[in-house]
Amino acid sequence: MENDVIFIGKKPVMSYVLAVLTHLNSGNDKAVIKARGSTISTAVDVSQVVINKFMKDLKISNIEVGTEELDGKDGGKRNVSFISIVLNK
């Protein structure tokens, strides 16, 4: 499962689209797009570009959303939202 994960960061959308396409074209049947906080919208954009523009046979098999508690820079705890989108051939 961990080998199927593409973590979304601050790069342009097409960088992650290419990562997903490369992963799926390497013989894998599943890709998991994961993002936290402000990059959640980028994760949604990546999934939609991959499905609508490049691989129309892909299906979203699962979407998980939630909140993780992380250590803040000031030593306290903070809550950060996350999304996990599973794409299957």
PDB file of N, CA and C in Angstrom:
ATOM      1  N   MET A   1       0.829  -1.201   0.000  1.00  0.00           N
ATOM      2  CA  MET A   1       0.000   0.000   0.000  1.00  0.00           C
ATOM      3  C   MET A   1       0.864   1.251   0.000  1.00  0.00           C
ATOM      4  N   GLU A   2       1.891   1.300   0.842  1.00  0.00           N
ATOM      5  CA  GLU A   2       2.717   2.499   0.933  1.00  0.00           C
ATOM      6  C   GLU A   2       3.438   2.791  -0.383  1.00  0.00           C
ATOM      7  N   ASN A   3       3.715   1.761  -1.182  1.00  0.00           N
ATOM      8  CA  ASN A   3       4.367   1.988  -2.465  1.00  0.00           C
ATOM      9  C   ASN A   3       3.442   2.644  -3.472  1.00  0.00           C
ATOM     10  N   ASP A   4       2.139   2.592  -3.225  1.00  0.00           N
ATOM     11  CA  ASP A   4       1.162   3.156  -4.147  1.00  0.00           C
ATOM     12  C   ASP A   4       0.822   4.609  -3.830  1.00  0.00           C
ATOM     13  N   VAL A   5       1.440   5.211  -2.819  1.00  0.00           N
ATOM     14  CA  VAL A   5       1.055   6.535  -2.332  1.00  0.00           C
ATOM     15  C   VAL A   5       1.848   7.637  -3.035  1.00  0.00           C
ATOM     16  N   ILE A   6       1.120   8.644  -3.512  1.00  0.00           N
ATOM     17  CA  ILE A   6       1.717   9.859  -4.049  1.00  0.00           C
ATOM     18  C   ILE A   6       1.308  10.987  -3.098  1.00  0.00           C
ATOM     19  N   PHE A   7       2.293  11.575  -2.419  1.00  0.00           N
ATOM     20  CA  PHE A   7       2.020  12.656  -1.480  1.00  0.00           C
ATOM     21  C   PHE A   7       2.024  13.986  -2.228  1.00  0.00           C
ATOM     22  N   ILE A   8       1.002  14.791  -1.991  1.00  0.00           N
ATOM     23  CA  ILE A   8       0.855  16.068  -2.669  1.00  0.00           C
ATOM     24  C   ILE A   8       1.494  17.167  -1.823  1.00  0.00           C
ATOM     25  N   GLY A   9       2.272  18.022  -2.503  1.00  0.00           N
ATOM     26  CA  GLY A   9       2.922  19.146  -1.842  1.00  0.00           C
ATOM     27  C   GLY A   9       2.631  20.436  -2.584  1.00  0.00           C
ATOM     28  N   LYS A  10       3.634  21.272  -2.738  1.00  0.00           N
ATOM     29  CA  LYS A  10       3.459  22.611  -3.311  1.00  0.00           C
ATOM     30  C   LYS A  10       3.824  22.721  -4.791  1.00  0.00           C
ATOM     31  N   LYS A  11       4.191  21.611  -5.428  1.00  0.00           N
ATOM     32  CA  LYS A  11       4.532  21.651  -6.849  1.00  0.00           C
ATOM     33  C   LYS A  11       3.275  21.879  -7.685  1.00  0.00           C
ATOM     34  N   PRO A  12       3.444  22.192  -8.973  1.00  0.00           N
ATOM     35  CA  PRO A  12       2.278  22.354  -9.861  1.00  0.00           C
ATOM     36  C   PRO A  12       1.503  21.042 -10.026  1.00  0.00           C
ATOM     37  N   VAL A  13       0.237  21.174 -10.347  1.00  0.00           N
ATOM     38  CA  VAL A  13      -0.664  20.020 -10.492  1.00  0.00           C
ATOM     39  C   VAL A  13      -0.104  18.994 -11.472  1.00  0.00           C
ATOM     40  N   MET A  14       0.412  19.455 -12.603  1.00  0.00           N
ATOM     41  CA  MET A  14       0.862  18.522 -13.640  1.00  0.00           C
ATOM     42  C   MET A  14       2.053  17.675 -13.185  1.00  0.00           C
ATOM     43  N   SER A  15       2.825  18.143 -12.232  1.00  0.00           N
ATOM     44  CA  SER A  15       3.917  17.325 -11.693  1.00  0.00           C
ATOM     45  C   SER A  15       3.370  16.073 -11.021  1.00  0.00           C
ATOM     46  N   TYR A  16       2.290  16.233 -10.282  1.00  0.00           N
ATOM     47  CA  TYR A  16       1.677  15.100  -9.588  1.00  0.00           C
ATOM     48  C   TYR A  16       0.871  14.235 -10.538  1.00  0.00           C
ATOM     49  N   VAL A  17       0.262  14.839 -11.567  1.00  0.00           N
ATOM     50  CA  VAL A  17      -0.433  14.063 -12.595  1.00  0.00           C
ATOM     51  C   VAL A  17       0.565  13.133 -13.271  1.00  0.00           C
ATOM     52  N   LEU A  18       1.733  13.648 -13.612  1.00  0.00           N
ATOM     53  CA  LEU A  18       2.771  12.827 -14.227  1.00  0.00           C
ATOM     54  C   LEU A  18       3.216  11.706 -13.294  1.00  0.00           C
ATOM     55  N   ALA A  19       3.341  11.992 -12.003  1.00  0.00           N
ATOM     56  CA  ALA A  19       3.729  10.962 -11.030  1.00  0.00           C
ATOM     57  C   ALA A  19       2.689   9.849 -10.961  1.00  0.00           C
ATOM     58  N   VAL A  20       1.405  10.213 -10.962  1.00  0.00           N
ATOM     59  CA  VAL A  20       0.330   9.213 -10.915  1.00  0.00           C
ATOM     60  C   VAL A  20       0.332   8.382 -12.193  1.00  0.00           C
ATOM     61  N   LEU A  21       0.442   9.042 -13.348  1.00  0.00           N
ATOM     62  CA  LEU A  21       0.443   8.323 -14.625  1.00  0.00           C
ATOM     63  C   LEU A  21       1.635   7.381 -14.738  1.00  0.00           C
ATOM     64  N   THR A  22       2.806   7.838 -14.316  1.00  0.00           N
ATOM     65  CA  THR A  22       4.002   6.996 -14.334  1.00  0.00           C
ATOM     66  C   THR A  22       3.813   5.779 -13.443  1.00  0.00           C
ATOM     67  N   HIS A  23       3.258   5.994 -12.262  1.00  0.00           N
ATOM     68  CA  HIS A  23       3.024   4.891 -11.330  1.00  0.00           C
ATOM     69  C   HIS A  23       2.065   3.860 -11.926  1.00  0.00           C
ATOM     70  N   LEU A  24       0.967   4.332 -12.493  1.00  0.00           N
ATOM     71  CA  LEU A  24      -0.034   3.417 -13.043  1.00  0.00           C
ATOM     72  C   LEU A  24       0.460   2.719 -14.312  1.00  0.00           C
ATOM     73  N   ASN A  25       1.270   3.401 -15.113  1.00  0.00           N
ATOM     74  CA  ASN A  25       1.795   2.795 -16.346  1.00  0.00           C
ATOM     75  C   ASN A  25       2.975   1.871 -16.087  1.00  0.00           C
ATOM     76  N   SER A  26       3.423   1.798 -14.843  1.00  0.00           N
ATOM     77  CA  SER A  26       4.516   0.894 -14.467  1.00  0.00           C
ATOM     78  C   SER A  26       3.998  -0.463 -14.024  1.00  0.00           C
ATOM     79  N   GLY A  27       2.742  -0.759 -14.320  1.00  0.00           N
ATOM     80  CA  GLY A  27       2.182  -2.058 -13.996  1.00  0.00           C
ATOM     81  C   GLY A  27       1.375  -2.096 -12.709  1.00  0.00           C
ATOM     82  N   ASN A  28       1.216  -0.965 -12.050  1.00  0.00           N
ATOM     83  CA  ASN A  28       0.419  -0.919 -10.823  1.00  0.00           C
ATOM     84  C   ASN A  28      -1.051  -0.680 -11.165  1.00  0.00           C
ATOM     85  N   ASP A  29      -1.945  -1.323 -10.421  1.00  0.00           N
ATOM     86  CA  ASP A  29      -3.378  -1.171 -10.659  1.00  0.00           C
ATOM     87  C   ASP A  29      -4.018  -0.130  -9.756  1.00  0.00           C
ATOM     88  N   LYS A  30      -3.233   0.415  -8.809  1.00  0.00           N
ATOM     89  CA  LYS A  30      -3.804   1.337  -7.833  1.00  0.00           C
ATOM     90  C   LYS A  30      -2.832   2.470  -7.549  1.00  0.00           C
ATOM     91  N   ALA A  31      -3.389   3.673  -7.349  1.00  0.00           N
ATOM     92  CA  ALA A  31      -2.609   4.827  -6.902  1.00  0.00           C
ATOM     93  C   ALA A  31      -3.402   5.522  -5.808  1.00  0.00           C
ATOM     94  N   VAL A  32      -2.716   5.915  -4.738  1.00  0.00           N
ATOM     95  CA  VAL A  32      -3.350   6.615  -3.624  1.00  0.00           C
ATOM     96  C   VAL A  32      -2.770   8.025  -3.572  1.00  0.00           C
ATOM     97  N   ILE A  33      -3.634   9.014  -3.703  1.00  0.00           N
ATOM     98  CA  ILE A  33      -3.222  10.415  -3.648  1.00  0.00           C
ATOM     99  C   ILE A  33      -3.523  10.914  -2.243  1.00  0.00           C
ATOM    100  N   LYS A  34      -2.492  11.385  -1.533  1.00  0.00           N
ATOM    101  CA  LYS A  34      -2.675  11.866  -0.163  1.00  0.00           C
ATOM    102  C   LYS A  34      -2.223  13.310  -0.050  1.00  0.00           C
ATOM    103  N   ALA A  35      -2.991  14.093   0.730  1.00  0.00           N
ATOM    104  CA  ALA A  35      -2.652  15.500   0.941  1.00  0.00           C
ATOM    105  C   ALA A  35      -3.162  15.958   2.300  1.00  0.00           C
ATOM    106  N   ARG A  36      -2.517  16.998   2.816  1.00  0.00           N
ATOM    107  CA  ARG A  36      -2.928  17.610   4.083  1.00  0.00           C
ATOM    108  C   ARG A  36      -3.108  19.108   3.897  1.00  0.00           C
ATOM    109  N   GLY A  37      -3.996  19.670   4.703  1.00  0.00           N
ATOM    110  CA  GLY A  37      -4.147  21.123   4.778  1.00  0.00           C
ATOM    111  C   GLY A  37      -4.472  21.783   3.457  1.00  0.00           C
ATOM    112  N   SER A  38      -3.692  22.810   3.129  1.00  0.00           N
ATOM    113  CA  SER A  38      -3.979  23.626   1.951  1.00  0.00           C
ATOM    114  C   SER A  38      -3.732  22.905   0.628  1.00  0.00           C
ATOM    115  N   THR A  39      -3.097  21.736   0.661  1.00  0.00           N
ATOM    116  CA  THR A  39      -2.843  21.002  -0.586  1.00  0.00           C
ATOM    117  C   THR A  39      -3.981  20.034  -0.944  1.00  0.00           C
ATOM    118  N   ILE A  40      -5.033  20.008  -0.130  1.00  0.00           N
ATOM    119  CA  ILE A  40      -6.165  19.118  -0.406  1.00  0.00           C
ATOM    120  C   ILE A  40      -6.797  19.447  -1.760  1.00  0.00           C
ATOM    121  N   SER A  41      -6.964  20.725  -2.057  1.00  0.00           N
ATOM    122  CA  SER A  41      -7.572  21.090  -3.340  1.00  0.00           C
ATOM    123  C   SER A  41      -6.699  20.650  -4.511  1.00  0.00           C
ATOM    124  N   THR A  42      -5.386  20.666  -4.347  1.00  0.00           N
ATOM    125  CA  THR A  42      -4.481  20.188  -5.395  1.00  0.00           C
ATOM    126  C   THR A  42      -4.674  18.691  -5.611  1.00  0.00           C
ATOM    127  N   ALA A  43      -4.856  17.934  -4.523  1.00  0.00           N
ATOM    128  CA  ALA A  43      -5.076  16.490  -4.637  1.00  0.00           C
ATOM    129  C   ALA A  43      -6.350  16.196  -5.434  1.00  0.00           C
ATOM    130  N   VAL A  44      -7.393  16.950  -5.177  1.00  0.00           N
ATOM    131  CA  VAL A  44      -8.651  16.771  -5.917  1.00  0.00           C
ATOM    132  C   VAL A  44      -8.428  17.106  -7.391  1.00  0.00           C
ATOM    133  N   ASP A  45      -7.717  18.203  -7.663  1.00  0.00           N
ATOM    134  CA  ASP A  45      -7.423  18.583  -9.042  1.00  0.00           C
ATOM    135  C   ASP A  45      -6.624  17.501  -9.757  1.00  0.00           C
ATOM    136  N   VAL A  46      -5.626  16.933  -9.095  1.00  0.00           N
ATOM    137  CA  VAL A  46      -4.802  15.870  -9.688  1.00  0.00           C
ATOM    138  C   VAL A  46      -5.664  14.676 -10.062  1.00  0.00           C
ATOM    139  N   SER A  47      -6.521  14.240  -9.139  1.00  0.00           N
ATOM    140  CA  SER A  47      -7.372  13.075  -9.421  1.00  0.00           C
ATOM    141  C   SER A  47      -8.293  13.337 -10.608  1.00  0.00           C
ATOM    142  N   GLN A  48      -8.849  14.532 -10.685  1.00  0.00           N
ATOM    143  CA  GLN A  48      -9.775  14.842 -11.762  1.00  0.00           C
ATOM    144  C   GLN A  48      -9.068  14.988 -13.107  1.00  0.00           C
ATOM    145  N   VAL A  49      -7.887  15.572 -13.133  1.00  0.00           N
ATOM    146  CA  VAL A  49      -7.134  15.685 -14.388  1.00  0.00           C
ATOM    147  C   VAL A  49      -6.743  14.303 -14.889  1.00  0.00           C
ATOM    148  N   VAL A  50      -6.268  13.440 -13.997  1.00  0.00           N
ATOM    149  CA  VAL A  50      -5.872  12.083 -14.401  1.00  0.00           C
ATOM    150  C   VAL A  50      -7.065  11.345 -14.990  1.00  0.00           C
ATOM    151  N   ILE A  51      -8.208  11.400 -14.309  1.00  0.00           N
ATOM    152  CA  ILE A  51      -9.386  10.649 -14.756  1.00  0.00           C
ATOM    153  C   ILE A  51     -10.006  11.253 -16.014  1.00  0.00           C
ATOM    154  N   ASN A  52     -10.173  12.565 -16.056  1.00  0.00           N
ATOM    155  CA  ASN A  52     -10.909  13.188 -17.158  1.00  0.00           C
ATOM    156  C   ASN A  52     -10.077  13.439 -18.411  1.00  0.00           C
ATOM    157  N   LYS A  53      -8.765  13.578 -18.276  1.00  0.00           N
ATOM    158  CA  LYS A  53      -7.933  13.925 -19.433  1.00  0.00           C
ATOM    159  C   LYS A  53      -7.048  12.783 -19.938  1.00  0.00           C
ATOM    160  N   PHE A  54      -6.620  11.884 -19.048  1.00  0.00           N
ATOM    161  CA  PHE A  54      -5.613  10.910 -19.438  1.00  0.00           C
ATOM    162  C   PHE A  54      -6.067   9.454 -19.360  1.00  0.00           C
ATOM    163  N   MET A  55      -6.737   9.062 -18.299  1.00  0.00           N
ATOM    164  CA  MET A  55      -7.107   7.656 -18.112  1.00  0.00           C
ATOM    165  C   MET A  55      -8.592   7.569 -17.751  1.00  0.00           C
ATOM    166  N   LYS A  56      -9.425   7.617 -18.759  1.00  0.00           N
ATOM    167  CA  LYS A  56     -10.870   7.647 -18.531  1.00  0.00           C
ATOM    168  C   LYS A  56     -11.415   6.344 -17.941  1.00  0.00           C
ATOM    169  N   ASP A  57     -10.622   5.262 -17.986  1.00  0.00           N
ATOM    170  CA  ASP A  57     -11.063   3.990 -17.425  1.00  0.00           C
ATOM    171  C   ASP A  57     -10.811   3.887 -15.920  1.00  0.00           C
ATOM    172  N   LEU A  58     -10.126   4.854 -15.333  1.00  0.00           N
ATOM    173  CA  LEU A  58      -9.872   4.836 -13.884  1.00  0.00           C
ATOM    174  C   LEU A  58     -11.143   5.150 -13.106  1.00  0.00           C
ATOM    175  N   LYS A  59     -11.229   4.578 -11.932  1.00  0.00           N
ATOM    176  CA  LYS A  59     -12.363   4.829 -11.031  1.00  0.00           C
ATOM    177  C   LYS A  59     -11.825   5.228  -9.661  1.00  0.00           C
ATOM    178  N   ILE A  60     -12.538   6.101  -8.985  1.00  0.00           N
ATOM    179  CA  ILE A  60     -12.227   6.420  -7.594  1.00  0.00           C
ATOM    180  C   ILE A  60     -12.905   5.363  -6.750  1.00  0.00           C
ATOM    181  N   SER A  61     -12.112   4.529  -6.078  1.00  0.00           N
ATOM    182  CA  SER A  61     -12.693   3.437  -5.296  1.00  0.00           C
ATOM    183  C   SER A  61     -12.924   3.819  -3.838  1.00  0.00           C
ATOM    184  N   ASN A  62     -12.212   4.841  -3.345  1.00  0.00           N
ATOM    185  CA  ASN A  62     -12.386   5.231  -1.949  1.00  0.00           C
ATOM    186  C   ASN A  62     -11.849   6.645  -1.752  1.00  0.00           C
ATOM    187  N   ILE A  63     -12.545   7.401  -0.913  1.00  0.00           N
ATOM    188  CA  ILE A  63     -12.073   8.713  -0.478  1.00  0.00           C
ATOM    189  C   ILE A  63     -12.182   8.733   1.036  1.00  0.00           C
ATOM    190  N   GLU A  64     -11.073   9.048   1.682  1.00  0.00           N
ATOM    191  CA  GLU A  64     -11.063   9.143   3.144  1.00  0.00           C
ATOM    192  C   GLU A  64     -10.671  10.570   3.525  1.00  0.00           C
ATOM    193  N   VAL A  65     -11.440  11.163   4.431  1.00  0.00           N
ATOM    194  CA  VAL A  65     -11.109  12.487   4.954  1.00  0.00           C
ATOM    195  C   VAL A  65     -11.073  12.412   6.470  1.00  0.00           C
ATOM    196  N   GLY A  66     -10.281  13.281   7.060  1.00  0.00           N
ATOM    197  CA  GLY A  66     -10.198  13.279   8.509  1.00  0.00           C
ATOM    198  C   GLY A  66      -9.283  14.377   9.014  1.00  0.00           C
ATOM    199  N   THR A  67      -8.930  14.257  10.288  1.00  0.00           N
ATOM    200  CA  THR A  67      -8.063  15.229  10.941  1.00  0.00           C
ATOM    201  C   THR A  67      -6.954  14.496  11.677  1.00  0.00           C
ATOM    202  N   GLU A  68      -5.734  14.980  11.515  1.00  0.00           N
ATOM    203  CA  GLU A  68      -4.585  14.444  12.224  1.00  0.00           C
ATOM    204  C   GLU A  68      -4.093  15.486  13.218  1.00  0.00           C
ATOM    205  N   GLU A  69      -3.618  15.031  14.363  1.00  0.00           N
ATOM    206  CA  GLU A  69      -3.025  15.938  15.341  1.00  0.00           C
ATOM    207  C   GLU A  69      -1.518  15.916  15.163  1.00  0.00           C
ATOM    208  N   LEU A  70      -0.942  17.064  14.856  1.00  0.00           N
ATOM    209  CA  LEU A  70       0.488  17.174  14.619  1.00  0.00           C
ATOM    210  C   LEU A  70       1.127  18.082  15.657  1.00  0.00           C
ATOM    211  N   ASP A  71       2.447  17.942  15.821  1.00  0.00           N
ATOM    212  CA  ASP A  71       3.181  18.839  16.703  1.00  0.00           C
ATOM    213  C   ASP A  71       3.399  20.163  15.989  1.00  0.00           C
ATOM    214  N   GLY A  72       3.052  21.255  16.656  1.00  0.00           N
ATOM    215  CA  GLY A  72       3.240  22.578  16.083  1.00  0.00           C
ATOM    216  C   GLY A  72       4.648  23.078  16.293  1.00  0.00           C
ATOM    217  N   LYS A  73       4.996  24.173  15.634  1.00  0.00           N
ATOM    218  CA  LYS A  73       6.333  24.752  15.758  1.00  0.00           C
ATOM    219  C   LYS A  73       6.591  25.288  17.156  1.00  0.00           C
ATOM    220  N   ASP A  74       5.526  25.682  17.849  1.00  0.00           N
ATOM    221  CA  ASP A  74       5.667  26.239  19.199  1.00  0.00           C
ATOM    222  C   ASP A  74       5.675  25.152  20.275  1.00  0.00           C
ATOM    223  N   GLY A  75       5.673  23.889  19.881  1.00  0.00           N
ATOM    224  CA  GLY A  75       5.696  22.789  20.831  1.00  0.00           C
ATOM    225  C   GLY A  75       4.331  22.267  21.203  1.00  0.00           C
ATOM    226  N   GLY A  76       3.275  22.969  20.806  1.00  0.00           N
ATOM    227  CA  GLY A  76       1.911  22.526  21.092  1.00  0.00           C
ATOM    228  C   GLY A  76       1.388  21.604  20.012  1.00  0.00           C
ATOM    229  N   LYS A  77       0.154  21.215  20.152  1.00  0.00           N
ATOM    230  CA  LYS A  77      -0.498  20.350  19.166  1.00  0.00           C
ATOM    231  C   LYS A  77      -1.397  21.198  18.276  1.00  0.00           C
ATOM    232  N   ARG A  78      -1.539  20.761  17.015  1.00  0.00           N
ATOM    233  CA  ARG A  78      -2.470  21.425  16.111  1.00  0.00           C
ATOM    234  C   ARG A  78      -3.154  20.375  15.249  1.00  0.00           C
ATOM    235  N   ASN A  79      -4.362  20.670  14.843  1.00  0.00           N
ATOM    236  CA  ASN A  79      -5.138  19.762  14.004  1.00  0.00           C
ATOM    237  C   ASN A  79      -4.994  20.156  12.538  1.00  0.00           C
ATOM    238  N   VAL A  80      -4.770  19.147  11.696  1.00  0.00           N
ATOM    239  CA  VAL A  80      -4.628  19.372  10.262  1.00  0.00           C
ATOM    240  C   VAL A  80      -5.526  18.385   9.535  1.00  0.00           C
ATOM    241  N   SER A  81      -6.327  18.895   8.604  1.00  0.00           N
ATOM    242  CA  SER A  81      -7.205  18.039   7.801  1.00  0.00           C
ATOM    243  C   SER A  81      -6.395  17.289   6.752  1.00  0.00           C
ATOM    244  N   PHE A  82      -6.895  16.101   6.357  1.00  0.00           N
ATOM    245  CA  PHE A  82      -6.231  15.328   5.306  1.00  0.00           C
ATOM    246  C   PHE A  82      -7.275  14.692   4.407  1.00  0.00           C
ATOM    247  N   ILE A  83      -6.816  14.307   3.208  1.00  0.00           N
ATOM    248  CA  ILE A  83      -7.649  13.550   2.272  1.00  0.00           C
ATOM    249  C   ILE A  83      -6.787  12.457   1.653  1.00  0.00           C
ATOM    250  N   SER A  84      -7.412  11.328   1.392  1.00  0.00           N
ATOM    251  CA  SER A  84      -6.768  10.215   0.713  1.00  0.00           C
ATOM    252  C   SER A  84      -7.721   9.738  -0.388  1.00  0.00           C
ATOM    253  N   ILE A  85      -7.275   9.798  -1.632  1.00  0.00           N
ATOM    254  CA  ILE A  85      -8.104   9.422  -2.781  1.00  0.00           C
ATOM    255  C   ILE A  85      -7.478   8.186  -3.430  1.00  0.00           C
ATOM    256  N   VAL A  86      -8.232   7.094  -3.516  1.00  0.00           N
ATOM    257  CA  VAL A  86      -7.736   5.847  -4.101  1.00  0.00           C
ATOM    258  C   VAL A  86      -8.267   5.715  -5.526  1.00  0.00           C
ATOM    259  N   LEU A  87      -7.349   5.597  -6.482  1.00  0.00           N
ATOM    260  CA  LEU A  87      -7.705   5.384  -7.889  1.00  0.00           C
ATOM    261  C   LEU A  87      -7.361   3.961  -8.288  1.00  0.00           C
ATOM    262  N   ASN A  88      -8.300   3.274  -8.939  1.00  0.00           N
ATOM    263  CA  ASN A  88      -8.093   1.889  -9.401  1.00  0.00           C
ATOM    264  C   ASN A  88      -8.379   1.787 -10.871  1.00  0.00           C
ATOM    265  N   LYS A  89      -7.620   0.886 -11.533  1.00  0.00           N
ATOM    266  CA  LYS A  89      -7.877   0.597 -12.953  1.00  0.00           C
ATOM    267  C   LYS A  89      -9.098  -0.273 -13.088  1.00  0.00           C
TER     268      LYS A  89
END
